[in-house]
Amino acid sequence: MSQTSFGIALALMAATVEAAQARHEFILPDHLVCGLTKLEDLLDARTLQMLGLPAVQTPVVQAEATQLLELLQASQIKPRDLRHALRAALGDGGYDRPEGESIHRSPESRQ
């Protein structure tokens, strides 16, 4: 099995936060997209260091995120606008998560 890159791990953590804040029971595909678009806010070396990324890995993560952001830009998609539109479309999931309960990916987001 291949190991997940730190950039993808960061995006998954951001997706988890998105799902929790929106009170959804599961991490949905749209939450994953929100997590990927959130990488734009995590590109500076200091932030990555605060998140526990070894300094030697910083350029790798920055390159991954930059590729994604350039792809979105080429499609004239602003990551922040996309994230806000997805949040609005998802709305409040209404799930009251018991304290300490983990959030898992939905079957659709595992495909």
N, C-alpha and C. Protein backbone atom coordinates (compact mmCIF):
# COMPACT_ATOMS: atom_id res chain seq x y z
N MET A 1 0.85 -1.17 0.00
CA MET A 1 0.00 0.00 0.00
C MET A 1 0.89 1.23 0.00
N SER A 2 0.53 2.22 -0.80
CA SER A 2 1.34 3.44 -0.86
C SER A 2 1.06 4.33 0.35
N GLN A 3 2.06 5.10 0.72
CA GLN A 3 1.93 5.98 1.86
C GLN A 3 1.34 7.31 1.39
N THR A 4 0.43 7.87 2.18
CA THR A 4 -0.20 9.14 1.86
C THR A 4 0.80 10.27 2.05
N SER A 5 0.83 11.20 1.11
CA SER A 5 1.72 12.35 1.24
C SER A 5 1.23 13.27 2.36
N PHE A 6 2.13 14.08 2.88
CA PHE A 6 1.76 15.00 3.94
C PHE A 6 0.74 16.01 3.43
N GLY A 7 0.86 16.42 2.17
CA GLY A 7 -0.11 17.36 1.60
C GLY A 7 -1.51 16.79 1.58
N ILE A 8 -1.64 15.52 1.19
CA ILE A 8 -2.95 14.87 1.18
C ILE A 8 -3.45 14.68 2.61
N ALA A 9 -2.55 14.34 3.53
CA ALA A 9 -2.94 14.21 4.94
C ALA A 9 -3.47 15.54 5.48
N LEU A 10 -2.83 16.64 5.11
CA LEU A 10 -3.31 17.96 5.53
C LEU A 10 -4.70 18.24 4.96
N ALA A 11 -4.90 17.92 3.69
CA ALA A 11 -6.20 18.14 3.06
C ALA A 11 -7.27 17.28 3.74
N LEU A 12 -6.93 16.06 4.11
CA LEU A 12 -7.89 15.19 4.80
C LEU A 12 -8.22 15.74 6.19
N MET A 13 -7.22 16.27 6.89
CA MET A 13 -7.49 16.89 8.19
C MET A 13 -8.42 18.08 8.03
N ALA A 14 -8.17 18.90 7.00
CA ALA A 14 -9.03 20.05 6.75
C ALA A 14 -10.45 19.60 6.40
N ALA A 15 -10.57 18.52 5.64
CA ALA A 15 -11.89 17.97 5.29
C ALA A 15 -12.63 17.49 6.53
N THR A 16 -11.90 16.91 7.46
CA THR A 16 -12.49 16.45 8.71
C THR A 16 -13.05 17.62 9.50
N VAL A 17 -12.28 18.69 9.56
CA VAL A 17 -12.74 19.91 10.25
C VAL A 17 -13.98 20.47 9.55
N GLU A 18 -13.96 20.48 8.22
CA GLU A 18 -15.12 20.96 7.45
C GLU A 18 -16.37 20.16 7.81
N ALA A 19 -16.25 18.84 7.82
CA ALA A 19 -17.40 17.98 8.13
C ALA A 19 -17.90 18.21 9.55
N ALA A 20 -16.97 18.33 10.49
CA ALA A 20 -17.35 18.54 11.89
C ALA A 20 -18.05 19.89 12.07
N GLN A 21 -17.48 20.94 11.49
CA GLN A 21 -18.07 22.27 11.64
C GLN A 21 -19.44 22.37 10.98
N ALA A 22 -19.65 21.61 9.92
CA ALA A 22 -20.93 21.62 9.22
C ALA A 22 -21.91 20.61 9.82
N ARG A 23 -21.47 19.92 10.87
CA ARG A 23 -22.31 18.95 11.58
C ARG A 23 -22.82 17.84 10.66
N HIS A 24 -21.90 17.31 9.84
CA HIS A 24 -22.22 16.16 9.00
C HIS A 24 -21.70 14.90 9.68
N GLU A 25 -22.42 13.81 9.50
CA GLU A 25 -22.01 12.55 10.14
C GLU A 25 -20.73 12.00 9.53
N PHE A 26 -20.57 12.17 8.22
CA PHE A 26 -19.43 11.62 7.51
C PHE A 26 -18.70 12.71 6.72
N ILE A 27 -17.47 12.42 6.35
CA ILE A 27 -16.71 13.27 5.44
C ILE A 27 -17.19 12.93 4.03
N LEU A 28 -17.80 13.89 3.38
CA LEU A 28 -18.35 13.70 2.03
C LEU A 28 -17.32 14.12 0.98
N PRO A 29 -17.52 13.71 -0.27
CA PRO A 29 -16.59 14.14 -1.33
C PRO A 29 -16.41 15.66 -1.38
N ASP A 30 -17.49 16.41 -1.18
CA ASP A 30 -17.37 17.88 -1.20
C ASP A 30 -16.49 18.39 -0.07
N HIS A 31 -16.51 17.71 1.08
CA HIS A 31 -15.61 18.10 2.17
C HIS A 31 -14.16 17.88 1.75
N LEU A 32 -13.90 16.79 1.02
CA LEU A 32 -12.54 16.52 0.54
C LEU A 32 -12.07 17.63 -0.40
N VAL A 33 -12.96 18.08 -1.27
CA VAL A 33 -12.60 19.18 -2.17
C VAL A 33 -12.32 20.44 -1.36
N CYS A 34 -13.15 20.71 -0.36
CA CYS A 34 -12.91 21.86 0.52
C CYS A 34 -11.53 21.74 1.17
N GLY A 35 -11.19 20.56 1.62
CA GLY A 35 -9.89 20.34 2.25
C GLY A 35 -8.74 20.61 1.29
N LEU A 36 -8.90 20.18 0.05
CA LEU A 36 -7.86 20.45 -0.96
C LEU A 36 -7.73 21.94 -1.22
N THR A 37 -8.86 22.64 -1.30
CA THR A 37 -8.78 24.08 -1.56
C THR A 37 -8.21 24.84 -0.37
N LYS A 38 -8.32 24.27 0.81
CA LYS A 38 -7.79 24.91 2.02
C LYS A 38 -6.26 24.90 2.04
N LEU A 39 -5.64 24.06 1.24
CA LEU A 39 -4.18 24.01 1.19
C LEU A 39 -3.57 25.36 0.84
N GLU A 40 -4.32 26.20 0.13
CA GLU A 40 -3.79 27.52 -0.23
C GLU A 40 -3.43 28.33 1.01
N ASP A 41 -4.09 28.08 2.12
CA ASP A 41 -3.84 28.82 3.35
C ASP A 41 -2.71 28.21 4.19
N LEU A 42 -2.17 27.10 3.75
CA LEU A 42 -1.17 26.37 4.54
C LEU A 42 0.18 26.27 3.84
N LEU A 43 0.43 27.12 2.88
CA LEU A 43 1.62 26.99 2.05
C LEU A 43 2.91 27.54 2.65
N ASP A 44 2.81 28.46 3.59
CA ASP A 44 4.07 29.05 4.08
C ASP A 44 4.80 28.07 5.00
N ALA A 45 6.12 28.15 4.97
CA ALA A 45 6.97 27.21 5.69
C ALA A 45 6.70 27.21 7.19
N ARG A 46 6.43 28.37 7.75
CA ARG A 46 6.19 28.46 9.20
C ARG A 46 4.93 27.69 9.60
N THR A 47 3.87 27.85 8.83
CA THR A 47 2.63 27.12 9.12
C THR A 47 2.86 25.62 9.01
N LEU A 48 3.55 25.20 7.97
CA LEU A 48 3.82 23.77 7.80
C LEU A 48 4.67 23.24 8.95
N GLN A 49 5.62 24.02 9.41
CA GLN A 49 6.45 23.61 10.55
C GLN A 49 5.59 23.49 11.80
N MET A 50 4.68 24.44 12.02
CA MET A 50 3.79 24.39 13.19
C MET A 50 2.89 23.16 13.15
N LEU A 51 2.59 22.68 11.95
CA LEU A 51 1.76 21.49 11.79
C LEU A 51 2.56 20.20 11.90
N GLY A 52 3.86 20.33 12.14
CA GLY A 52 4.70 19.15 12.37
C GLY A 52 5.43 18.63 11.15
N LEU A 53 5.41 19.37 10.06
CA LEU A 53 6.10 18.91 8.86
C LEU A 53 7.60 19.12 9.01
N PRO A 54 8.40 18.08 8.80
CA PRO A 54 9.86 18.25 8.82
C PRO A 54 10.27 19.25 7.73
N ALA A 55 11.22 20.11 8.05
CA ALA A 55 11.64 21.17 7.12
C ALA A 55 12.03 20.62 5.76
N VAL A 56 12.61 19.44 5.73
CA VAL A 56 13.05 18.85 4.46
C VAL A 56 11.86 18.53 3.54
N GLN A 57 10.67 18.34 4.12
CA GLN A 57 9.47 18.01 3.34
C GLN A 57 8.70 19.25 2.87
N THR A 58 9.04 20.42 3.41
CA THR A 58 8.30 21.64 3.07
C THR A 58 8.23 21.88 1.56
N PRO A 59 9.35 21.81 0.83
CA PRO A 59 9.26 22.06 -0.62
C PRO A 59 8.37 21.06 -1.35
N VAL A 60 8.33 19.83 -0.87
CA VAL A 60 7.51 18.80 -1.51
C VAL A 60 6.03 19.15 -1.36
N VAL A 61 5.63 19.49 -0.14
CA VAL A 61 4.23 19.84 0.12
C VAL A 61 3.86 21.12 -0.64
N GLN A 62 4.75 22.09 -0.62
CA GLN A 62 4.48 23.33 -1.34
C GLN A 62 4.32 23.07 -2.83
N ALA A 63 5.11 22.18 -3.38
CA ALA A 63 5.01 21.85 -4.81
C ALA A 63 3.68 21.16 -5.12
N GLU A 64 3.27 20.23 -4.26
CA GLU A 64 1.97 19.54 -4.45
C GLU A 64 0.83 20.55 -4.46
N ALA A 65 0.81 21.40 -3.45
CA ALA A 65 -0.27 22.37 -3.33
C ALA A 65 -0.24 23.38 -4.47
N THR A 66 0.94 23.80 -4.86
CA THR A 66 1.07 24.76 -5.95
C THR A 66 0.54 24.18 -7.26
N GLN A 67 0.82 22.90 -7.51
CA GLN A 67 0.30 22.26 -8.73
C GLN A 67 -1.23 22.29 -8.74
N LEU A 68 -1.83 21.97 -7.62
CA LEU A 68 -3.29 21.98 -7.52
C LEU A 68 -3.83 23.39 -7.74
N LEU A 69 -3.22 24.36 -7.07
CA LEU A 69 -3.70 25.74 -7.19
C LEU A 69 -3.54 26.27 -8.61
N GLU A 70 -2.46 25.89 -9.28
CA GLU A 70 -2.25 26.31 -10.67
C GLU A 70 -3.30 25.68 -11.59
N LEU A 71 -3.66 24.44 -11.31
CA LEU A 71 -4.69 23.77 -12.10
C LEU A 71 -6.03 24.49 -11.94
N LEU A 72 -6.36 24.83 -10.71
CA LEU A 72 -7.61 25.56 -10.46
C LEU A 72 -7.57 26.93 -11.14
N GLN A 73 -6.44 27.61 -11.02
CA GLN A 73 -6.29 28.93 -11.62
C GLN A 73 -6.43 28.85 -13.14
N ALA A 74 -5.85 27.83 -13.75
CA ALA A 74 -5.96 27.66 -15.20
C ALA A 74 -7.41 27.46 -15.63
N SER A 75 -8.21 26.91 -14.73
CA SER A 75 -9.64 26.71 -14.99
C SER A 75 -10.47 27.90 -14.51
N GLN A 76 -9.79 28.95 -14.10
CA GLN A 76 -10.41 30.17 -13.59
C GLN A 76 -11.30 29.90 -12.38
N ILE A 77 -10.83 29.01 -11.52
CA ILE A 77 -11.53 28.67 -10.28
C ILE A 77 -10.72 29.22 -9.12
N LYS A 78 -11.37 30.03 -8.29
CA LYS A 78 -10.72 30.56 -7.10
C LYS A 78 -11.00 29.59 -5.95
N PRO A 79 -9.95 29.01 -5.35
CA PRO A 79 -10.15 28.01 -4.30
C PRO A 79 -11.09 28.47 -3.18
N ARG A 80 -10.91 29.69 -2.72
CA ARG A 80 -11.74 30.19 -1.61
C ARG A 80 -13.20 30.29 -2.03
N ASP A 81 -13.45 30.77 -3.25
CA ASP A 81 -14.83 30.88 -3.74
C ASP A 81 -15.47 29.50 -3.89
N LEU A 82 -14.70 28.54 -4.40
CA LEU A 82 -15.20 27.18 -4.54
C LEU A 82 -15.54 26.60 -3.17
N ARG A 83 -14.64 26.78 -2.21
CA ARG A 83 -14.86 26.27 -0.86
C ARG A 83 -16.13 26.87 -0.25
N HIS A 84 -16.30 28.17 -0.39
CA HIS A 84 -17.48 28.83 0.18
C HIS A 84 -18.77 28.37 -0.50
N ALA A 85 -18.72 28.17 -1.82
CA ALA A 85 -19.90 27.68 -2.54
C ALA A 85 -20.26 26.26 -2.10
N LEU A 86 -19.24 25.42 -1.92
CA LEU A 86 -19.51 24.05 -1.47
C LEU A 86 -20.08 24.04 -0.06
N ARG A 87 -19.55 24.88 0.81
CA ARG A 87 -20.09 24.96 2.17
C ARG A 87 -21.56 25.36 2.15
N ALA A 88 -21.88 26.35 1.32
CA ALA A 88 -23.27 26.81 1.22
C ALA A 88 -24.17 25.70 0.69
N ALA A 89 -23.69 24.97 -0.31
CA ALA A 89 -24.49 23.88 -0.89
C ALA A 89 -24.69 22.73 0.09
N LEU A 90 -23.67 22.43 0.88
CA LEU A 90 -23.76 21.34 1.85
C LEU A 90 -24.67 21.70 3.01
N GLY A 91 -24.59 22.93 3.45
CA GLY A 91 -25.42 23.38 4.57
C GLY A 91 -25.08 22.65 5.86
N ASP A 92 -25.96 22.82 6.81
CA ASP A 92 -25.81 22.20 8.13
C ASP A 92 -26.33 20.77 8.06
N GLY A 93 -25.47 19.82 8.38
CA GLY A 93 -25.87 18.42 8.33
C GLY A 93 -26.79 17.99 9.46
N GLY A 94 -26.81 18.78 10.54
CA GLY A 94 -27.71 18.50 11.65
C GLY A 94 -27.32 17.32 12.52
N TYR A 95 -26.13 16.78 12.35
CA TYR A 95 -25.71 15.62 13.13
C TYR A 95 -25.04 16.10 14.41
N ASP A 96 -25.57 15.66 15.54
CA ASP A 96 -24.98 16.00 16.84
C ASP A 96 -24.03 14.88 17.24
N ARG A 97 -22.76 15.13 17.00
CA ARG A 97 -21.73 14.12 17.23
C ARG A 97 -21.46 13.99 18.73
N PRO A 98 -21.54 12.77 19.26
CA PRO A 98 -21.16 12.56 20.66
C PRO A 98 -19.68 12.92 20.85
N GLU A 99 -19.37 13.49 21.97
CA GLU A 99 -17.99 13.90 22.24
C GLU A 99 -17.04 12.72 22.09
N GLY A 100 -15.97 12.95 21.36
CA GLY A 100 -14.95 11.93 21.18
C GLY A 100 -15.20 10.98 20.02
N GLU A 101 -16.37 11.06 19.39
CA GLU A 101 -16.67 10.17 18.26
C GLU A 101 -15.86 10.58 17.03
N SER A 102 -15.25 9.62 16.39
CA SER A 102 -14.47 9.88 15.18
C SER A 102 -15.37 10.19 14.00
N ILE A 103 -14.79 10.88 13.04
CA ILE A 103 -15.50 11.16 11.79
C ILE A 103 -14.82 10.32 10.70
N HIS A 104 -15.62 9.55 10.00
CA HIS A 104 -15.09 8.69 8.94
C HIS A 104 -15.56 9.19 7.58
N ARG A 105 -14.85 8.76 6.54
CA ARG A 105 -15.27 9.11 5.19
C ARG A 105 -16.51 8.31 4.81
N SER A 106 -17.37 8.95 4.06
CA SER A 106 -18.57 8.27 3.55
C SER A 106 -18.15 7.25 2.49
N PRO A 107 -19.02 6.29 2.19
CA PRO A 107 -18.69 5.33 1.13
C PRO A 107 -18.35 6.03 -0.19
N GLU A 108 -19.07 7.12 -0.51
CA GLU A 108 -18.80 7.85 -1.76
C GLU A 108 -17.41 8.47 -1.77
N SER A 109 -16.95 8.92 -0.62
CA SER A 109 -15.63 9.57 -0.58
C SER A 109 -14.49 8.55 -0.52
N ARG A 110 -14.82 7.28 -0.38
CA ARG A 110 -13.80 6.23 -0.36
C ARG A 110 -13.52 5.67 -1.76
N GLN A 111 -14.37 6.02 -2.71
CA GLN A 111 -14.21 5.49 -4.08
C GLN A 111 -13.10 6.19 -4.81
